[in-house]
Amino acid sequence: MGFAVAGLAAGCSRRPSSSEKDVADPEALGPEPSAYSPPSPETRPEPQLKDPEIVETDVCVVGGGAAGMAAATAAARLGARTLLIEESFVLGGNVTRGLVNLDKVAWGGGLMVRGYFEELLRTLAGQGDAVFPSPSTHWAVRYDTDALRHAALLIAQRAGADIRLGTRAVWARRSGRLVSSLYACEQGRGLVIRAARYVDCTGDGNLGYLAGNTYWYGDRNHGQVQGQTLIFYAAPVDFAALRSYGRLDGSIVNEFQVIGLRPFMKKLRRDKRVEGTPQWGLLVNLLPPEDTVSISASEAYGEHLETGSAAGIMALLEKQNYEIHAGLKSDIPGFAQSRIVRMGERPYLREGRRLAGYHQLTADEALSGEKPDDSVARGWYPIDLHVPYTGEPSHLGELAPGDYYGIPYRCLVARDLDNLLMAGRCISVTHEALGSTRISPTSMALGQAAGIAAALSAESAARPADLPAGDVQRYLTMQGGLY
């Protein structure tokens, strides 16, 4: 039986006015009042591709980040002909190119995501390239970024997925309620991809946008997306000295992390030693090798989906990183001999387009720990918003330790297209709920569920909206997942 469309706004082009009143209480937040309808694909000129390669496949996954690499692996393991296209030459997205750590993968004493995610971590731990999360690590994952990207590629290839790196989606042909073909460019050569099912794992909802699915962007009052951060590595760092200092200044300190250093960041901002609006505290993670740390501290609030904006955002974030590191060298024990040894290839993008599905998960549903019958993944992370209009970090709340909420399958099924699913940051959630669902472990769980759904619906010729969620849950369990 198909899902009833409920709680979704009609498409319109209005952007929320900055004069609208803020709503600070998550309990007062209902369905977002507006959504955007992208231009119809038919109104955009069709690319003229010279001698394109025609690719026929069952499942096409667009985007090879945390969600995409899980989706492609899961679909291929069910026997579906699976194509994954990724614009860079590296799988992993935020967790590899963006250097984002895997934090709080358990809540109250047990892993909240298993399946593909656990397989990947155990592969790395078995090679000596990761420390499997436990209470002693505060459930953060210490891992080698380059080893993770290599393991993810091998796992997907061994599953039988066709991985096309350096390949970007540029145009979609739509026939009624179907994506009939996707145009992409691989190293200058055109591809025309014809798939039974497509999965948007781009993070920014790029495929849904190209194909004309309704989406939301930013919060309802300002149209503001969450801030962007560029993570960097510094070495050599005396982590023992840093931990001792962190305990004295009130930071949260555990075996591999120091979270806080807020007096230091407040002083940098007050003395104008850092440009723009960096974060109010630091997240420092100890990496392999032993004297290297990752640092999340910069922040910008640019419109990264606007053409021409990326260079300005990156320039500001890079400048903040150099300024913050200079402050660490001069003010904080453990950093005196260090230098920046690596910066992320891309910012940590916390929010982009959120594609309209058959249900929009809200903050209220997350914070109340709702577990719907069609849940296909667990969420547990606090609702953590990085937004400028509050004047400070904004936490809307968190669940009791050990509790979680279920993310409905309906949030992964596109409302306006009958052969499109989505996973990762671009699923159907409110701006506030995204503050929890956006983390990479959850994205992997969502990707695994979406890949299974794509393979099953392609095989049965059922619309994803008509596929019983119980079928997805059954195969999730067979692949070791939780829901």
Protein backbone atom coordinates (compact mmCIF):
# COMPACT_ATOMS: atom_id res chain seq x y z
CA MET A 1 0.00 0.00 0.00
CA GLY A 2 1.33 3.47 -0.86
CA PHE A 3 1.98 6.13 1.72
CA ALA A 4 -0.43 9.00 2.26
CA VAL A 5 1.17 12.39 1.71
CA ALA A 6 0.92 14.15 5.05
CA GLY A 7 2.57 17.16 6.64
CA LEU A 8 4.21 18.38 3.43
CA ALA A 9 3.81 21.92 2.21
CA ALA A 10 2.75 22.76 -1.30
CA GLY A 11 5.62 23.95 -3.46
CA CYS A 12 6.13 27.67 -3.87
CA SER A 13 8.96 30.03 -4.64
CA ARG A 14 8.72 32.27 -1.58
CA ARG A 15 11.82 32.48 0.58
CA PRO A 16 11.21 33.00 4.31
CA SER A 17 11.36 36.64 5.31
CA SER A 18 14.08 37.72 7.75
CA SER A 19 11.47 39.84 9.51
CA GLU A 20 9.45 36.81 10.61
CA LYS A 21 9.48 36.12 14.33
CA ASP A 22 11.97 33.55 15.65
CA VAL A 23 10.56 30.37 17.14
CA ALA A 24 12.95 29.17 19.85
CA ASP A 25 10.80 26.43 21.41
CA PRO A 26 11.05 23.19 19.40
CA GLU A 27 7.69 22.10 20.76
CA ALA A 28 6.14 25.05 18.89
CA LEU A 29 7.61 24.05 15.56
CA GLY A 30 5.11 22.56 13.15
CA PRO A 31 5.60 21.60 9.50
CA GLU A 32 7.57 24.22 7.65
CA PRO A 33 5.26 26.66 5.91
CA SER A 34 7.05 26.88 2.59
CA ALA A 35 9.03 24.79 0.18
CA TYR A 36 10.77 25.52 -3.11
CA SER A 37 9.92 24.05 -6.45
CA PRO A 38 12.97 23.91 -8.69
CA PRO A 39 12.59 24.75 -12.36
CA SER A 40 11.22 21.88 -14.39
CA PRO A 41 13.99 19.93 -16.15
CA GLU A 42 12.12 20.51 -19.40
CA THR A 43 12.80 24.26 -19.10
CA ARG A 44 16.57 23.75 -18.98
CA PRO A 45 18.43 23.16 -22.23
CA GLU A 46 19.48 19.55 -22.70
CA PRO A 47 23.27 19.14 -22.78
CA GLN A 48 24.69 18.21 -26.14
CA LEU A 49 26.97 15.27 -25.41
CA LYS A 50 29.41 14.08 -28.05
CA ASP A 51 29.42 10.29 -28.43
CA PRO A 52 28.14 9.66 -24.88
CA GLU A 53 28.45 6.30 -23.14
CA ILE A 54 25.02 4.80 -22.48
CA VAL A 55 24.83 3.01 -19.12
CA GLU A 56 21.84 0.81 -18.32
CA THR A 57 21.60 -0.19 -14.65
CA ASP A 58 19.15 -1.16 -11.94
CA VAL A 59 20.30 1.34 -9.32
CA CYS A 60 22.19 4.60 -9.77
CA VAL A 61 23.58 6.20 -6.60
CA VAL A 62 24.64 9.81 -7.00
CA GLY A 63 27.23 10.96 -4.46
CA GLY A 64 29.87 8.77 -2.81
CA GLY A 65 29.93 10.23 0.68
CA ALA A 66 29.00 8.39 3.86
CA ALA A 67 25.46 7.68 2.62
CA GLY A 68 26.37 6.92 -0.99
CA MET A 69 29.11 4.40 -0.36
CA ALA A 70 26.79 2.52 2.01
CA ALA A 71 23.86 2.68 -0.43
CA ALA A 72 25.86 1.36 -3.38
CA THR A 73 27.35 -1.48 -1.32
CA ALA A 74 23.97 -2.52 0.09
CA ALA A 75 22.24 -2.48 -3.30
CA ALA A 76 25.00 -4.41 -5.04
CA ARG A 77 24.98 -7.08 -2.35
CA LEU A 78 21.36 -7.79 -3.17
CA GLY A 79 22.33 -8.53 -6.75
CA ALA A 80 21.21 -5.24 -8.29
CA ARG A 81 23.32 -3.81 -11.08
CA THR A 82 24.58 -0.77 -9.22
CA LEU A 83 26.36 2.34 -10.48
CA LEU A 84 27.83 4.91 -8.08
CA ILE A 85 28.96 8.27 -9.45
CA GLU A 86 31.11 10.58 -7.31
CA GLU A 87 32.39 13.98 -8.37
CA SER A 88 35.78 13.64 -6.60
CA PHE A 89 38.29 10.80 -6.71
CA VAL A 90 37.63 9.79 -3.11
CA LEU A 91 34.74 8.05 -1.37
CA GLY A 92 33.64 9.20 2.07
CA GLY A 93 32.72 12.86 1.61
CA ASN A 94 32.75 14.60 4.97
CA VAL A 95 34.57 11.77 6.76
CA THR A 96 37.46 11.66 4.28
CA ARG A 97 37.71 14.80 2.16
CA GLY A 98 36.20 16.86 4.98
CA LEU A 99 38.23 15.22 7.81
CA VAL A 100 35.09 15.10 9.99
CA ASN A 101 35.39 12.77 12.98
CA LEU A 102 32.93 10.01 13.81
CA ASP A 103 31.63 11.14 17.19
CA LYS A 104 29.10 9.76 19.70
CA VAL A 105 28.36 6.58 17.76
CA ALA A 106 26.70 5.16 20.87
CA TRP A 107 24.32 6.69 23.36
CA GLY A 108 23.95 5.22 26.80
CA GLY A 109 26.20 2.21 26.35
CA GLY A 110 25.65 0.57 22.97
CA LEU A 111 26.19 1.26 19.28
CA MET A 112 23.21 2.97 17.65
CA VAL A 113 24.29 2.09 14.12
CA ARG A 114 25.68 -1.23 12.93
CA GLY A 115 25.53 -2.95 9.55
CA TYR A 116 27.72 -1.26 6.96
CA PHE A 117 29.07 1.21 9.51
CA GLU A 118 30.26 -1.50 11.89
CA GLU A 119 31.72 -3.57 9.05
CA LEU A 120 33.77 -0.60 7.89
CA LEU A 121 35.06 0.15 11.40
CA ARG A 122 35.93 -3.45 12.18
CA THR A 123 37.80 -3.67 8.89
CA LEU A 124 39.87 -0.65 9.88
CA ALA A 125 40.39 -1.84 13.44
CA GLY A 126 41.55 -5.24 12.18
CA GLN A 127 44.19 -3.50 10.07
CA GLY A 128 45.36 -1.36 12.98
CA ASP A 129 43.93 1.76 11.32
CA ALA A 130 41.19 2.49 13.87
CA VAL A 131 40.31 2.06 17.52
CA PHE A 132 36.84 0.56 17.76
CA PRO A 133 34.58 2.85 19.82
CA SER A 134 33.97 2.05 23.47
CA PRO A 135 33.22 3.85 26.74
CA SER A 136 36.95 4.61 27.10
CA THR A 137 36.91 6.54 23.81
CA HIS A 138 33.69 8.33 24.82
CA TRP A 139 32.23 6.45 21.82
CA ALA A 140 34.26 8.54 19.39
CA VAL A 141 36.14 6.70 16.63
CA ARG A 142 39.86 7.19 16.26
CA TYR A 143 40.69 6.25 12.67
CA ASP A 144 43.04 6.91 9.77
CA THR A 145 41.17 8.93 7.14
CA ASP A 146 43.07 7.58 4.17
CA ALA A 147 42.68 3.99 5.32
CA LEU A 148 38.92 4.54 5.62
CA ARG A 149 38.58 5.85 2.09
CA HIS A 150 40.58 2.91 0.73
CA ALA A 151 38.55 0.36 2.70
CA ALA A 152 35.25 1.93 1.56
CA LEU A 153 36.29 1.69 -2.10
CA LEU A 154 37.37 -1.95 -1.79
CA ILE A 155 34.18 -2.93 0.06
CA ALA A 156 31.99 -1.36 -2.63
CA GLN A 157 33.97 -2.91 -5.48
CA ARG A 158 33.94 -6.35 -3.87
CA ALA A 159 30.17 -6.06 -3.51
CA GLY A 160 30.02 -5.66 -7.30
CA ALA A 161 29.22 -1.95 -7.59
CA ASP A 162 30.46 -0.04 -10.63
CA ILE A 163 32.25 2.99 -9.14
CA ARG A 164 32.77 6.00 -11.39
CA LEU A 165 35.02 8.59 -9.72
CA GLY A 166 35.55 12.06 -11.15
CA THR A 167 31.96 11.96 -12.41
CA ARG A 168 29.40 14.71 -11.89
CA ALA A 169 25.67 14.72 -12.59
CA VAL A 170 24.77 17.69 -14.80
CA TRP A 171 21.20 17.23 -16.06
CA ALA A 172 18.19 14.96 -15.55
CA ARG A 173 15.50 14.00 -18.03
CA ARG A 174 12.09 13.64 -16.45
CA SER A 175 9.13 11.80 -17.92
CA GLY A 176 6.02 12.40 -15.84
CA ARG A 177 6.85 11.23 -12.34
CA LEU A 178 10.00 9.36 -13.35
CA VAL A 179 13.64 10.26 -13.77
CA SER A 180 14.07 8.65 -17.16
CA SER A 181 17.77 9.37 -17.59
CA LEU A 182 20.62 11.21 -15.91
CA TYR A 183 23.35 13.03 -17.80
CA ALA A 184 26.79 13.05 -16.23
CA CYS A 185 30.32 14.00 -17.19
CA GLU A 186 33.20 11.58 -16.51
CA GLN A 187 36.60 13.07 -17.25
CA GLY A 188 35.19 15.19 -20.05
CA ARG A 189 33.15 12.39 -21.61
CA GLY A 190 29.39 12.33 -21.39
CA LEU A 191 27.41 9.57 -19.75
CA VAL A 192 23.70 8.94 -20.19
CA ILE A 193 22.56 6.81 -17.27
CA ARG A 194 19.26 4.98 -17.46
CA ALA A 195 18.37 3.38 -14.16
CA ALA A 196 15.26 1.81 -12.73
CA ARG A 197 15.95 3.53 -9.38
CA TYR A 198 18.02 6.53 -8.40
CA VAL A 199 19.33 7.39 -4.93
CA ASP A 200 20.30 10.98 -4.13
CA CYS A 201 23.23 10.88 -1.70
CA THR A 202 24.72 14.24 -2.72
CA GLY A 203 24.07 15.87 0.65
CA ASP A 204 22.74 18.96 -1.08
CA GLY A 205 19.90 17.18 -2.87
CA ASN A 206 21.44 17.94 -6.26
CA LEU A 207 19.79 15.06 -8.11
CA GLY A 208 16.38 15.85 -6.65
CA TYR A 209 16.87 19.46 -7.63
CA LEU A 210 17.89 18.57 -11.20
CA ALA A 211 14.88 16.27 -11.52
CA GLY A 212 12.40 18.79 -10.11
CA ASN A 213 11.52 17.42 -6.66
CA THR A 214 10.23 19.95 -4.13
CA TYR A 215 12.72 20.85 -1.39
CA TRP A 216 13.25 23.01 1.69
CA TYR A 217 16.28 25.19 2.25
CA GLY A 218 17.30 26.77 5.55
CA ASP A 219 15.21 27.59 8.59
CA ARG A 220 11.69 28.92 8.20
CA ASN A 221 12.34 32.42 9.54
CA HIS A 222 15.64 33.40 7.94
CA GLY A 223 16.28 30.92 5.14
CA GLN A 224 19.58 30.35 6.95
CA VAL A 225 21.47 27.09 6.60
CA GLN A 226 23.76 25.75 9.29
CA GLY A 227 27.33 27.00 9.25
CA GLN A 228 30.26 25.50 7.37
CA THR A 229 33.49 24.39 9.07
CA LEU A 230 36.89 23.52 7.60
CA ILE A 231 38.69 20.99 9.78
CA PHE A 232 42.48 20.90 9.93
CA TYR A 233 45.23 18.68 11.34
CA ALA A 234 48.09 19.99 13.48
CA ALA A 235 51.31 18.25 14.53
CA PRO A 236 53.38 17.65 16.56
CA VAL A 237 51.07 18.23 19.53
CA ASP A 238 51.71 17.13 23.12
CA PHE A 239 48.24 15.74 23.74
CA ALA A 240 48.94 14.90 27.38
CA ALA A 241 49.76 18.55 28.06
CA LEU A 242 46.64 19.65 26.21
CA ARG A 243 44.46 17.25 28.21
CA SER A 244 45.88 18.55 31.50
CA TYR A 245 45.18 22.13 30.45
CA GLY A 246 41.70 21.23 29.26
CA ARG A 247 40.77 19.78 32.65
CA LEU A 248 41.78 23.04 34.31
CA ASP A 249 39.73 25.27 32.00
CA GLY A 250 36.55 23.20 32.30
CA SER A 251 36.72 21.37 28.96
CA ILE A 252 35.35 17.87 28.46
CA VAL A 253 38.38 15.58 28.37
CA ASN A 254 38.55 11.90 27.51
CA GLU A 255 41.09 9.47 26.11
CA PHE A 256 41.13 10.82 22.55
CA GLN A 257 39.28 14.14 22.80
CA VAL A 258 39.32 17.61 24.30
CA ILE A 259 36.01 19.43 23.80
CA GLY A 260 35.74 23.04 24.86
CA LEU A 261 38.63 25.51 25.33
CA ARG A 262 35.87 28.11 25.36
CA PRO A 263 37.83 30.77 27.35
CA PHE A 264 40.55 30.59 24.69
CA MET A 265 38.08 31.02 21.82
CA LYS A 266 36.29 33.83 23.66
CA LYS A 267 39.62 35.65 24.07
CA LEU A 268 40.50 35.21 20.38
CA ARG A 269 37.17 36.68 19.36
CA ARG A 270 37.31 39.50 21.91
CA ASP A 271 40.83 40.52 20.88
CA LYS A 272 39.89 40.27 17.17
CA ARG A 273 42.67 37.78 16.55
CA VAL A 274 40.36 35.75 14.32
CA GLU A 275 38.18 37.01 11.49
CA GLY A 276 34.49 36.33 11.08
CA THR A 277 32.39 34.07 13.29
CA PRO A 278 34.36 31.00 14.36
CA GLN A 279 32.84 28.48 16.74
CA TRP A 280 32.64 29.27 20.45
CA GLY A 281 34.66 26.21 21.38
CA LEU A 282 37.01 23.64 19.88
CA LEU A 283 36.68 19.94 19.18
CA VAL A 284 40.15 18.37 19.27
CA ASN A 285 40.60 14.69 18.40
CA LEU A 286 43.78 12.66 18.75
CA LEU A 287 44.59 10.84 15.51
CA PRO A 288 47.05 8.27 14.33
CA PRO A 289 49.97 9.06 14.47
CA GLU A 290 50.16 9.83 18.19
CA ASP A 291 51.27 13.47 17.88
CA THR A 292 48.60 14.58 15.39
CA VAL A 293 45.22 16.12 16.22
CA SER A 294 42.23 17.24 14.18
CA ILE A 295 40.66 20.57 15.09
CA SER A 296 37.12 21.76 14.38
CA ALA A 297 36.87 25.46 15.24
CA SER A 298 36.28 27.61 12.16
CA GLU A 299 32.82 28.56 10.96
CA ALA A 300 31.22 30.58 8.17
CA TYR A 301 27.61 31.13 7.21
CA GLY A 302 27.86 31.43 3.45
CA GLU A 303 25.28 30.39 0.86
CA HIS A 304 27.35 27.54 -0.52
CA LEU A 305 24.71 26.64 -3.12
CA GLU A 306 24.94 30.08 -4.72
CA THR A 307 27.14 30.15 -7.80
CA GLY A 308 30.51 31.76 -7.21
CA SER A 309 30.30 31.49 -3.41
CA ALA A 310 32.58 28.53 -2.67
CA ALA A 311 35.90 30.34 -3.06
CA GLY A 312 34.92 33.09 -0.62
CA ILE A 313 33.73 30.56 1.97
CA MET A 314 36.91 28.51 1.66
CA ALA A 315 39.16 31.58 1.84
CA LEU A 316 37.52 32.75 5.07
CA LEU A 317 37.62 29.32 6.68
CA GLU A 318 41.27 28.80 5.75
CA LYS A 319 42.15 32.23 7.18
CA GLN A 320 40.33 31.40 10.41
CA ASN A 321 42.23 28.13 10.69
CA TYR A 322 45.62 29.85 10.40
CA GLU A 323 44.58 32.47 12.94
CA ILE A 324 43.19 29.91 15.39
CA HIS A 325 46.30 27.77 15.07
CA ALA A 326 48.52 30.79 15.70
CA GLY A 327 46.55 31.41 18.89
CA LEU A 328 46.91 27.79 19.96
CA LYS A 329 50.69 27.92 19.43
CA SER A 330 51.06 31.03 21.55
CA ASP A 331 48.43 30.42 24.25
CA ILE A 332 47.72 26.70 24.76
CA PRO A 333 50.11 24.10 26.20
CA GLY A 334 50.98 21.30 23.79
CA PHE A 335 50.90 23.34 20.57
CA ALA A 336 54.14 25.33 20.76
CA GLN A 337 56.05 23.19 18.23
CA SER A 338 53.10 22.42 15.97
CA ARG A 339 52.12 23.49 12.49
CA ILE A 340 49.12 22.87 10.27
CA VAL A 341 49.88 19.68 8.36
CA ARG A 342 46.59 19.17 6.52
CA MET A 343 43.32 20.95 5.77
CA GLY A 344 40.12 19.41 4.56
CA GLU A 345 39.63 19.40 0.81
CA ARG A 346 36.10 20.63 1.37
CA PRO A 347 34.22 22.26 4.23
CA TYR A 348 31.99 20.30 6.53
CA LEU A 349 28.64 21.25 4.98
CA ARG A 350 25.99 20.72 7.65
CA GLU A 351 22.96 21.62 5.57
CA GLY A 352 21.80 22.02 1.99
CA ARG A 353 18.52 21.22 0.26
CA ARG A 354 16.20 18.86 2.12
CA LEU A 355 14.08 16.99 -0.41
CA ALA A 356 10.37 16.59 0.26
CA GLY A 357 9.40 13.00 0.95
CA TYR A 358 6.22 11.32 2.15
CA HIS A 359 6.94 12.42 5.72
CA GLN A 360 8.97 15.26 7.19
CA LEU A 361 10.66 14.30 10.45
CA THR A 362 10.39 17.07 13.06
CA ALA A 363 12.37 18.04 16.14
CA ASP A 364 9.40 17.13 18.30
CA GLU A 365 9.35 13.59 16.94
CA ALA A 366 13.09 13.21 17.47
CA LEU A 367 13.18 14.62 21.00
CA SER A 368 10.21 12.53 22.08
CA GLY A 369 11.95 9.35 20.91
CA GLU A 370 9.22 8.31 18.48
CA LYS A 371 9.81 4.92 16.88
CA PRO A 372 7.44 4.57 13.92
CA ASP A 373 6.58 1.19 12.47
CA ASP A 374 8.41 2.00 9.24
CA SER A 375 11.67 3.08 10.90
CA VAL A 376 14.79 2.09 8.92
CA ALA A 377 17.51 3.85 10.94
CA ARG A 378 18.11 5.18 14.43
CA GLY A 379 18.84 8.74 15.45
CA TRP A 380 20.23 9.66 18.84
CA TYR A 381 22.48 12.69 18.42
CA PRO A 382 21.47 15.93 20.18
CA ILE A 383 19.75 18.56 18.05
CA ASP A 384 22.83 20.69 17.49
CA LEU A 385 22.32 23.81 15.38
CA HIS A 386 25.19 25.94 14.10
CA VAL A 387 23.30 29.10 13.20
CA PRO A 388 24.17 32.81 13.50
CA TYR A 389 20.81 34.24 14.46
CA THR A 390 20.90 32.90 18.06
CA GLY A 391 24.20 34.65 18.85
CA GLU A 392 25.58 31.47 20.40
CA PRO A 393 25.56 27.70 19.89
CA SER A 394 22.02 26.36 19.96
CA HIS A 395 21.05 23.00 21.45
CA LEU A 396 17.36 22.26 21.22
CA GLY A 397 17.69 19.19 23.43
CA GLU A 398 18.71 15.57 23.56
CA LEU A 399 17.28 12.18 24.40
CA ALA A 400 17.85 10.29 27.63
CA PRO A 401 20.95 8.07 27.47
CA GLY A 402 20.11 4.79 25.81
CA ASP A 403 17.04 6.13 24.02
CA TYR A 404 16.74 6.86 20.31
CA TYR A 405 14.20 7.86 17.70
CA GLY A 406 13.36 6.05 14.50
CA ILE A 407 13.79 7.65 11.09
CA PRO A 408 10.83 6.61 8.92
CA TYR A 409 11.29 5.00 5.54
CA ARG A 410 8.82 7.64 4.30
CA CYS A 411 11.55 10.28 4.82
CA LEU A 412 13.73 8.51 2.23
CA VAL A 413 11.12 8.32 -0.54
CA ALA A 414 10.83 11.35 -2.83
CA ARG A 415 7.35 12.86 -2.89
CA ASP A 416 7.33 14.10 -6.50
CA LEU A 417 9.18 11.30 -8.30
CA ASP A 418 8.30 7.62 -8.35
CA ASN A 419 11.81 6.20 -8.79
CA LEU A 420 13.90 8.45 -6.51
CA LEU A 421 15.08 7.77 -2.98
CA MET A 422 17.42 9.86 -0.86
CA ALA A 423 19.82 9.30 2.03
CA GLY A 424 22.11 11.43 4.15
CA ARG A 425 21.66 15.14 4.78
CA CYS A 426 19.08 15.62 2.01
CA ILE A 427 16.31 13.41 3.44
CA SER A 428 12.89 14.83 4.31
CA VAL A 429 13.40 16.48 7.73
CA THR A 430 12.95 19.94 9.19
CA HIS A 431 15.86 22.33 9.61
CA GLU A 432 15.83 21.59 13.33
CA ALA A 433 15.65 17.80 13.04
CA LEU A 434 18.58 17.92 10.62
CA GLY A 435 20.67 19.17 13.54
CA SER A 436 20.55 15.56 14.74
CA THR A 437 20.14 13.40 11.61
CA ARG A 438 23.04 15.02 9.70
CA ILE A 439 25.88 13.10 11.39
CA SER A 440 27.91 10.65 9.31
CA PRO A 441 27.11 7.38 11.17
CA THR A 442 23.39 8.07 10.71
CA SER A 443 24.04 8.89 7.05
CA MET A 444 25.64 5.47 6.59
CA ALA A 445 22.62 3.78 8.17
CA LEU A 446 20.27 5.77 5.94
CA GLY A 447 22.36 4.96 2.89
CA GLN A 448 22.23 1.25 3.64
CA ALA A 449 18.43 1.40 3.98
CA ALA A 450 18.01 3.43 0.78
CA GLY A 451 20.27 1.08 -1.17
CA ILE A 452 18.28 -1.93 -0.01
CA ALA A 453 14.99 -0.22 -0.90
CA ALA A 454 16.29 0.75 -4.34
CA ALA A 455 17.41 -2.80 -5.11
CA LEU A 456 14.20 -4.41 -3.83
CA SER A 457 11.89 -2.01 -5.63
CA ALA A 458 13.85 -2.30 -8.87
CA GLU A 459 13.63 -6.08 -8.73
CA SER A 460 9.91 -6.12 -7.97
CA ALA A 461 9.05 -3.17 -10.25
CA ALA A 462 7.16 -1.63 -7.31
CA ARG A 463 7.36 2.08 -6.68
CA PRO A 464 9.60 2.77 -3.66
CA ALA A 465 6.49 4.34 -2.06
CA ASP A 466 4.65 1.02 -2.43
CA LEU A 467 7.48 -1.14 -1.14
CA PRO A 468 6.59 -2.46 2.34
CA ALA A 469 8.92 -0.99 4.93
CA GLY A 470 8.98 -4.43 6.53
CA ASP A 471 10.84 -5.78 3.49
CA VAL A 472 13.52 -3.11 3.92
CA GLN A 473 13.73 -3.86 7.64
CA ARG A 474 14.11 -7.58 7.01
CA TYR A 475 17.05 -7.12 4.65
CA LEU A 476 18.58 -4.51 6.95
CA THR A 477 18.59 -7.12 9.68
CA MET A 478 20.16 -9.65 7.31
CA GLN A 479 22.92 -7.11 6.58
CA GLY A 480 23.47 -6.52 10.31
CA GLY A 481 21.71 -3.16 10.56
CA LEU A 482 19.55 -1.63 13.28
CA TYR A 483 16.29 0.25 12.95
